[in-house]
Amino acid sequence: MDPLQNSLRTMGGVVIDLDYSFVIQLGIVLVLMVLLKQLIFEPYLKSIVARDARTDEARDDADALRKRAAELSDRYAAGLHDAREAAFEARQALRITGAAEKEAVVTEARQDAARTLEEGHTQAATQFEAARTKLLAQVDDIARLVVEKVLGRGV
């Protein structure tokens, strides 16, 4: 026996015969590798790459939508702030206008009240003077009646 076969026997007793069946098996394995590569592995890898590309595209779209949402949110917040400021300014203007109108109404009412009071004083003074004049004309008659009542006789 040759030394290679001796070493193979000592390694476990497995003997490998290299004949044409090995070449046929090698050819079958190579043909299967090529067929499997063409029919299974390449389509599978293409689908993985396509899925990764779609995933990356979806992530990019999601990032773009997030940025757009942030921009819209910022615009909304700025618009809301501007609207609140405008409302505050309008409220202030209405308060100032209302205070001015109130002051005008109060001033007019005071003037009207003063006019009415003055008219009342004038009318009372006029009535007082008329009554006084009337009573002064009757003073002599009233004094004579009082004296007659007190003395009990005519004067």
C-alpha atoms as a PDB file:
ATOM      1  CA  MET A   1       0.000   0.000   0.000  1.00  0.00           C
ATOM      2  CA  ASP A   2       1.021   3.422  -0.603  1.00  0.00           C
ATOM      3  CA  PRO A   3       1.692   5.873   2.230  1.00  0.00           C
ATOM      4  CA  LEU A   4      -1.378   8.064   1.444  1.00  0.00           C
ATOM      5  CA  GLN A   5      -3.732   5.160   1.877  1.00  0.00           C
ATOM      6  CA  ASN A   6      -1.965   4.156   5.074  1.00  0.00           C
ATOM      7  CA  SER A   7      -2.404   7.632   6.507  1.00  0.00           C
ATOM      8  CA  LEU A   8      -6.071   7.637   5.522  1.00  0.00           C
ATOM      9  CA  ARG A   9      -6.658   4.329   7.235  1.00  0.00           C
ATOM     10  CA  THR A  10      -5.032   5.538  10.410  1.00  0.00           C
ATOM     11  CA  MET A  11      -7.230   8.669  10.328  1.00  0.00           C
ATOM     12  CA  GLY A  12     -10.430   6.808  10.813  1.00  0.00           C
ATOM     13  CA  GLY A  13     -10.477   4.231   8.220  1.00  0.00           C
ATOM     14  CA  VAL A  14     -12.281   6.311   5.621  1.00  0.00           C
ATOM     15  CA  VAL A  15     -11.197   5.598   2.115  1.00  0.00           C
ATOM     16  CA  ILE A  16     -11.989   8.109  -0.619  1.00  0.00           C
ATOM     17  CA  ASP A  17     -11.857   6.809  -4.152  1.00  0.00           C
ATOM     18  CA  LEU A  18     -11.392   9.497  -6.739  1.00  0.00           C
ATOM     19  CA  ASP A  19     -13.116   8.218  -9.839  1.00  0.00           C
ATOM     20  CA  TYR A  20     -15.609   9.530 -12.410  1.00  0.00           C
ATOM     21  CA  SER A  21     -18.518   9.512  -9.952  1.00  0.00           C
ATOM     22  CA  PHE A  22     -16.735  12.238  -7.994  1.00  0.00           C
ATOM     23  CA  VAL A  23     -16.445  14.320 -11.133  1.00  0.00           C
ATOM     24  CA  ILE A  24     -20.137  13.722 -11.900  1.00  0.00           C
ATOM     25  CA  GLN A  25     -21.112  14.678  -8.345  1.00  0.00           C
ATOM     26  CA  LEU A  26     -18.912  17.766  -8.577  1.00  0.00           C
ATOM     27  CA  GLY A  27     -20.586  18.656 -11.879  1.00  0.00           C
ATOM     28  CA  ILE A  28     -24.053  18.165 -10.351  1.00  0.00           C
ATOM     29  CA  VAL A  29     -23.125  20.376  -7.400  1.00  0.00           C
ATOM     30  CA  LEU A  30     -21.764  23.074  -9.724  1.00  0.00           C
ATOM     31  CA  VAL A  31     -24.848  22.915 -11.963  1.00  0.00           C
ATOM     32  CA  LEU A  32     -27.078  23.092  -8.868  1.00  0.00           C
ATOM     33  CA  MET A  33     -25.081  26.043  -7.574  1.00  0.00           C
ATOM     34  CA  VAL A  34     -25.504  27.905 -10.858  1.00  0.00           C
ATOM     35  CA  LEU A  35     -29.204  27.042 -11.094  1.00  0.00           C
ATOM     36  CA  LEU A  36     -29.894  27.926  -7.467  1.00  0.00           C
ATOM     37  CA  LYS A  37     -27.967  31.154  -7.844  1.00  0.00           C
ATOM     38  CA  GLN A  38     -29.971  32.109 -10.927  1.00  0.00           C
ATOM     39  CA  LEU A  39     -33.376  30.877  -9.738  1.00  0.00           C
ATOM     40  CA  ILE A  40     -33.337  31.483  -5.979  1.00  0.00           C
ATOM     41  CA  PHE A  41     -30.435  33.494  -4.583  1.00  0.00           C
ATOM     42  CA  GLU A  42     -30.304  36.362  -7.087  1.00  0.00           C
ATOM     43  CA  PRO A  43     -34.109  36.976  -7.074  1.00  0.00           C
ATOM     44  CA  TYR A  44     -34.077  36.774  -3.269  1.00  0.00           C
ATOM     45  CA  LEU A  45     -31.182  39.233  -3.005  1.00  0.00           C
ATOM     46  CA  LYS A  46     -32.873  41.531  -5.533  1.00  0.00           C
ATOM     47  CA  SER A  47     -36.068  41.471  -3.453  1.00  0.00           C
ATOM     48  CA  ILE A  48     -34.032  42.234  -0.299  1.00  0.00           C
ATOM     49  CA  VAL A  49     -32.309  45.154  -2.040  1.00  0.00           C
ATOM     50  CA  ALA A  50     -35.639  46.409  -3.401  1.00  0.00           C
ATOM     51  CA  ARG A  51     -37.225  46.108   0.044  1.00  0.00           C
ATOM     52  CA  ASP A  52     -34.320  48.028   1.593  1.00  0.00           C
ATOM     53  CA  ALA A  53     -34.679  50.691  -1.092  1.00  0.00           C
ATOM     54  CA  ARG A  54     -38.425  50.960  -0.404  1.00  0.00           C
ATOM     55  CA  THR A  55     -37.727  51.131   3.322  1.00  0.00           C
ATOM     56  CA  ASP A  56     -35.174  53.899   2.817  1.00  0.00           C
ATOM     57  CA  GLU A  57     -37.599  55.735   0.552  1.00  0.00           C
ATOM     58  CA  ALA A  58     -40.375  55.382   3.146  1.00  0.00           C
ATOM     59  CA  ARG A  59     -38.008  56.703   5.843  1.00  0.00           C
ATOM     60  CA  ASP A  60     -37.074  59.647   3.628  1.00  0.00           C
ATOM     61  CA  ASP A  61     -40.758  60.338   2.979  1.00  0.00           C
ATOM     62  CA  ALA A  62     -41.477  60.103   6.703  1.00  0.00           C
ATOM     63  CA  ASP A  63     -38.633  62.527   7.452  1.00  0.00           C
ATOM     64  CA  ALA A  64     -39.954  64.930   4.821  1.00  0.00           C
ATOM     65  CA  LEU A  65     -43.446  64.671   6.311  1.00  0.00           C
ATOM     66  CA  ARG A  66     -42.046  65.300   9.805  1.00  0.00           C
ATOM     67  CA  LYS A  67     -40.234  68.386   8.546  1.00  0.00           C
ATOM     68  CA  ARG A  68     -43.383  69.583   6.776  1.00  0.00           C
ATOM     69  CA  ALA A  69     -45.429  68.977   9.927  1.00  0.00           C
ATOM     70  CA  ALA A  70     -42.894  70.911  11.993  1.00  0.00           C
ATOM     71  CA  GLU A  71     -43.016  73.804   9.496  1.00  0.00           C
ATOM     72  CA  LEU A  72     -46.817  73.800   9.540  1.00  0.00           C
ATOM     73  CA  SER A  73     -46.825  73.642  13.325  1.00  0.00           C
ATOM     74  CA  ASP A  74     -44.426  76.596  13.497  1.00  0.00           C
ATOM     75  CA  ARG A  75     -46.560  78.542  11.017  1.00  0.00           C
ATOM     76  CA  TYR A  76     -49.674  77.717  13.021  1.00  0.00           C
ATOM     77  CA  ALA A  77     -48.013  78.815  16.267  1.00  0.00           C
ATOM     78  CA  ALA A  78     -46.827  82.062  14.652  1.00  0.00           C
ATOM     79  CA  GLY A  79     -50.289  82.719  13.199  1.00  0.00           C
ATOM     80  CA  LEU A  80     -51.906  81.984  16.549  1.00  0.00           C
ATOM     81  CA  HIS A  81     -49.463  84.360  18.255  1.00  0.00           C
ATOM     82  CA  ASP A  82     -50.196  87.080  15.691  1.00  0.00           C
ATOM     83  CA  ALA A  83     -53.945  86.544  16.075  1.00  0.00           C
ATOM     84  CA  ARG A  84     -53.676  86.806  19.855  1.00  0.00           C
ATOM     85  CA  GLU A  85     -51.672  90.002  19.552  1.00  0.00           C
ATOM     86  CA  ALA A  86     -54.213  91.441  17.111  1.00  0.00           C
ATOM     87  CA  ALA A  87     -57.057  90.448  19.429  1.00  0.00           C
ATOM     88  CA  PHE A  88     -55.280  92.049  22.388  1.00  0.00           C
ATOM     89  CA  GLU A  89     -54.743  95.255  20.419  1.00  0.00           C
ATOM     90  CA  ALA A  90     -58.376  95.268  19.280  1.00  0.00           C
ATOM     91  CA  ARG A  91     -59.491  94.706  22.878  1.00  0.00           C
ATOM     92  CA  GLN A  92     -57.303  97.584  24.036  1.00  0.00           C
ATOM     93  CA  ALA A  93     -58.693  99.839  21.293  1.00  0.00           C
ATOM     94  CA  LEU A  94     -62.253  98.890  22.284  1.00  0.00           C
ATOM     95  CA  ARG A  95     -61.477  99.587  25.938  1.00  0.00           C
ATOM     96  CA  ILE A  96     -60.072 103.007  25.082  1.00  0.00           C
ATOM     97  CA  THR A  97     -63.024 103.778  22.811  1.00  0.00           C
ATOM     98  CA  GLY A  98     -65.471 102.523  25.442  1.00  0.00           C
ATOM     99  CA  ALA A  99     -63.799 104.593  28.158  1.00  0.00           C
ATOM    100  CA  ALA A 100     -63.956 107.695  25.946  1.00  0.00           C
ATOM    101  CA  GLU A 101     -67.618 107.058  25.123  1.00  0.00           C
ATOM    102  CA  LYS A 102     -68.379 106.462  28.798  1.00  0.00           C
ATOM    103  CA  GLU A 103     -66.643 109.694  29.742  1.00  0.00           C
ATOM    104  CA  ALA A 104     -68.609 111.565  27.060  1.00  0.00           C
ATOM    105  CA  VAL A 105     -71.904 110.072  28.267  1.00  0.00           C
ATOM    106  CA  VAL A 106     -71.078 110.828  31.925  1.00  0.00           C
ATOM    107  CA  THR A 107     -70.047 114.393  31.062  1.00  0.00           C
ATOM    108  CA  GLU A 108     -73.238 114.913  29.065  1.00  0.00           C
ATOM    109  CA  ALA A 109     -75.324 113.467  31.911  1.00  0.00           C
ATOM    110  CA  ARG A 110     -73.584 115.748  34.433  1.00  0.00           C
ATOM    111  CA  GLN A 111     -74.195 118.753  32.210  1.00  0.00           C
ATOM    112  CA  ASP A 112     -77.819 117.716  31.752  1.00  0.00           C
ATOM    113  CA  ALA A 113     -78.206 117.206  35.514  1.00  0.00           C
ATOM    114  CA  ALA A 114     -76.595 120.588  36.203  1.00  0.00           C
ATOM    115  CA  ARG A 115     -78.912 122.221  33.658  1.00  0.00           C
ATOM    116  CA  THR A 116     -81.946 120.497  35.173  1.00  0.00           C
ATOM    117  CA  LEU A 117     -80.841 121.482  38.685  1.00  0.00           C
ATOM    118  CA  GLU A 118     -80.300 125.072  37.600  1.00  0.00           C
ATOM    119  CA  GLU A 119     -83.721 125.111  35.950  1.00  0.00           C
ATOM    120  CA  GLY A 120     -85.190 123.687  39.157  1.00  0.00           C
ATOM    121  CA  HIS A 121     -83.436 126.373  41.249  1.00  0.00           C
ATOM    122  CA  THR A 122     -84.638 129.084  38.861  1.00  0.00           C
ATOM    123  CA  GLN A 123     -88.193 127.747  38.885  1.00  0.00           C
ATOM    124  CA  ALA A 124     -88.149 127.436  42.697  1.00  0.00           C
ATOM    125  CA  ALA A 125     -86.795 130.978  43.031  1.00  0.00           C
ATOM    126  CA  THR A 126     -89.476 132.240  40.665  1.00  0.00           C
ATOM    127  CA  GLN A 127     -92.214 130.419  42.563  1.00  0.00           C
ATOM    128  CA  PHE A 128     -90.747 131.654  45.860  1.00  0.00           C
ATOM    129  CA  GLU A 129     -90.766 135.233  44.649  1.00  0.00           C
ATOM    130  CA  ALA A 130     -94.321 134.901  43.340  1.00  0.00           C
ATOM    131  CA  ALA A 131     -95.509 133.426  46.630  1.00  0.00           C
ATOM    132  CA  ARG A 132     -93.596 136.072  48.585  1.00  0.00           C
ATOM    133  CA  THR A 133     -95.097 138.860  46.524  1.00  0.00           C
ATOM    134  CA  LYS A 134     -98.570 137.373  46.990  1.00  0.00           C
ATOM    135  CA  LEU A 135     -98.048 136.957  50.715  1.00  0.00           C
ATOM    136  CA  LEU A 136     -96.602 140.448  51.096  1.00  0.00           C
ATOM    137  CA  ALA A 137     -99.784 141.786  49.551  1.00  0.00           C
ATOM    138  CA  GLN A 138    -101.789 139.829  52.116  1.00  0.00           C
ATOM    139  CA  VAL A 139     -99.567 140.682  55.150  1.00  0.00           C
ATOM    140  CA  ASP A 140    -101.763 143.548  56.294  1.00  0.00           C
ATOM    141  CA  ASP A 141    -104.942 141.417  56.048  1.00  0.00           C
ATOM    142  CA  ILE A 142    -103.332 138.488  57.871  1.00  0.00           C
ATOM    143  CA  ALA A 143    -101.889 140.765  60.582  1.00  0.00           C
ATOM    144  CA  ARG A 144    -105.299 142.309  61.173  1.00  0.00           C
ATOM    145  CA  LEU A 145    -106.916 138.831  61.432  1.00  0.00           C
ATOM    146  CA  VAL A 146    -104.286 137.727  63.930  1.00  0.00           C
ATOM    147  CA  VAL A 147    -104.759 140.869  66.043  1.00  0.00           C
ATOM    148  CA  GLU A 148    -108.544 140.425  65.979  1.00  0.00           C
ATOM    149  CA  LYS A 149    -108.241 136.814  67.123  1.00  0.00           C
ATOM    150  CA  VAL A 150    -105.759 137.673  69.866  1.00  0.00           C
ATOM    151  CA  LEU A 151    -107.609 140.713  71.125  1.00  0.00           C
ATOM    152  CA  GLY A 152    -110.982 139.241  70.423  1.00  0.00           C
ATOM    153  CA  ARG A 153    -112.241 142.434  68.822  1.00  0.00           C
ATOM    154  CA  GLY A 154    -112.006 144.192  65.482  1.00  0.00           C
ATOM    155  CA  VAL A 155    -109.268 146.713  64.782  1.00  0.00           C
END
